[in-house]
Amino acid sequence: MPHLIVDYSPGLFAPDSVAQTLLELNAAVIGSGSIQKESDLKSRMIPLEATRVGTEAGARGFVYAQLRVLPGRTPAMRAELSQRIAGVIRARCARPVGMSVQLSVEVIEMERESYVKEVL
């Protein structure tokens, strides 16, 4: 815990930019001060093979980031985390000519009772 998962439409992040983007995302989340131990943060970016936004024709894409955390953060802390993640994605995401790109970020509280974490 926590887990940061970023799904994105084809063409929005070059394969050689993903490692740096993950580093910047992790630094932004850790920099909030709401994560106690930096090694607890697990993040990944998942390129999606095929996506669709709406029904109308046209080049459209999206980036959806989800930060899953255990309970204990105030709404203000969760909002700050969302803004920090969105800021990195805004800075790093490509904007292909003619493509409309939507960005969404969500912070979700996991259920502590059913979450298992251990070091193997």
Protein backbone atom coordinates (compact mmCIF):
# COMPACT_ATOMS: atom_id res chain seq x y z
CA MET A 1 0.00 0.00 0.00
CA PRO A 2 -0.47 2.43 -1.63
CA HIS A 3 -0.87 1.45 -5.27
CA LEU A 4 -0.80 3.91 -8.17
CA ILE A 5 -2.21 2.58 -11.44
CA VAL A 6 -2.20 4.67 -14.61
CA ASP A 7 -4.07 3.40 -17.68
CA TYR A 8 -3.67 5.32 -20.92
CA SER A 9 -4.71 5.35 -24.57
CA PRO A 10 -2.20 4.48 -27.30
CA GLY A 11 0.27 7.19 -28.24
CA LEU A 12 0.09 9.27 -25.06
CA PHE A 13 3.38 8.17 -23.49
CA ALA A 14 6.45 7.09 -25.42
CA PRO A 15 7.80 3.77 -24.12
CA ASP A 16 11.12 5.39 -23.27
CA SER A 17 9.39 8.05 -21.14
CA VAL A 18 7.46 5.72 -18.85
CA ALA A 19 10.26 5.05 -16.33
CA GLN A 20 10.87 8.79 -15.82
CA THR A 21 7.14 9.47 -15.58
CA LEU A 22 6.80 6.80 -12.88
CA LEU A 23 9.73 8.31 -10.98
CA GLU A 24 8.11 11.76 -11.10
CA LEU A 25 4.71 10.37 -10.08
CA ASN A 26 6.24 8.55 -7.12
CA ALA A 27 8.17 11.67 -6.08
CA ALA A 28 4.97 13.73 -6.24
CA VAL A 29 3.03 11.26 -4.10
CA ILE A 30 5.86 10.83 -1.58
CA GLY A 31 6.37 14.61 -1.52
CA SER A 32 2.84 15.08 -0.21
CA GLY A 33 3.96 13.79 3.17
CA SER A 34 0.91 11.53 3.45
CA ILE A 35 2.85 8.34 2.68
CA GLN A 36 4.95 7.22 5.63
CA LYS A 37 7.44 4.92 3.90
CA GLU A 38 8.54 5.53 0.30
CA SER A 39 9.08 1.83 -0.36
CA ASP A 40 5.40 1.17 0.32
CA LEU A 41 4.36 2.94 -2.90
CA LYS A 42 3.91 0.59 -5.85
CA SER A 43 3.18 2.22 -9.19
CA ARG A 44 2.64 1.13 -12.75
CA MET A 45 1.63 2.57 -16.08
CA ILE A 46 -0.44 0.34 -18.32
CA PRO A 47 -0.66 1.15 -22.03
CA LEU A 48 -4.02 0.07 -23.37
CA GLU A 49 -4.12 -1.54 -26.80
CA ALA A 50 -7.50 -0.18 -27.77
CA THR A 51 -9.62 2.53 -26.21
CA ARG A 52 -12.74 4.42 -27.14
CA VAL A 53 -14.14 7.67 -25.76
CA GLY A 54 -17.82 8.17 -26.45
CA THR A 55 -19.54 7.22 -29.71
CA GLU A 56 -18.67 10.03 -32.11
CA ALA A 57 -15.90 9.79 -34.66
CA GLY A 58 -12.66 11.56 -33.99
CA ALA A 59 -9.35 11.06 -32.28
CA ARG A 60 -9.97 10.84 -28.57
CA GLY A 61 -7.93 9.38 -25.77
CA PHE A 62 -7.66 9.33 -22.01
CA VAL A 63 -5.39 8.90 -19.04
CA TYR A 64 -6.96 7.46 -15.90
CA ALA A 65 -4.91 7.37 -12.70
CA GLN A 66 -6.09 5.63 -9.59
CA LEU A 67 -4.28 5.87 -6.26
CA ARG A 68 -5.44 3.21 -3.83
CA VAL A 69 -4.69 3.99 -0.18
CA LEU A 70 -5.70 2.65 3.20
CA PRO A 71 -8.12 4.82 5.20
CA GLY A 72 -6.80 7.63 7.36
CA ARG A 73 -6.28 10.56 5.00
CA THR A 74 -8.54 13.58 5.12
CA PRO A 75 -10.49 14.68 2.04
CA ALA A 76 -8.01 17.58 1.70
CA MET A 77 -5.05 15.18 1.72
CA ARG A 78 -6.70 12.98 -0.92
CA ALA A 79 -7.47 16.05 -3.04
CA GLU A 80 -3.83 17.16 -2.81
CA LEU A 81 -2.68 13.71 -3.90
CA SER A 82 -5.03 13.86 -6.90
CA GLN A 83 -3.69 17.28 -7.89
CA ARG A 84 -0.06 16.19 -7.53
CA ILE A 85 -0.66 13.15 -9.77
CA ALA A 86 -2.60 15.20 -12.31
CA GLY A 87 0.20 17.78 -12.45
CA VAL A 88 2.81 15.20 -13.38
CA ILE A 89 0.56 13.62 -15.99
CA ARG A 90 -0.25 17.03 -17.51
CA ALA A 91 3.46 17.75 -17.83
CA ARG A 92 4.46 14.34 -19.22
CA CYS A 93 1.52 13.28 -21.42
CA ALA A 94 1.85 13.72 -25.18
CA ARG A 95 -0.82 15.70 -26.98
CA PRO A 96 -1.07 14.19 -30.44
CA VAL A 97 -2.23 16.72 -33.03
CA GLY A 98 -5.97 16.51 -33.52
CA MET A 99 -6.55 14.26 -30.51
CA SER A 100 -8.72 15.26 -27.59
CA VAL A 101 -7.27 13.79 -24.39
CA GLN A 102 -9.18 13.50 -21.12
CA LEU A 103 -7.39 13.19 -17.78
CA SER A 104 -8.97 11.82 -14.63
CA VAL A 105 -7.44 11.01 -11.26
CA GLU A 106 -9.14 9.23 -8.41
CA VAL A 107 -7.99 8.42 -4.87
CA ILE A 108 -9.74 5.36 -3.51
CA GLU A 109 -9.68 4.11 0.06
CA MET A 110 -9.10 0.38 0.34
CA GLU A 111 -10.74 -1.74 3.00
CA ARG A 112 -8.14 -2.29 5.70
CA GLU A 113 -9.75 -5.51 6.95
CA SER A 114 -9.41 -7.33 3.63
CA TYR A 115 -6.03 -5.97 2.53
CA VAL A 116 -3.04 -8.26 2.91
CA LYS A 117 0.53 -7.02 2.54
CA GLU A 118 3.72 -8.85 3.35
CA VAL A 119 7.31 -8.98 2.16
CA LEU A 120 8.18 -12.28 0.55
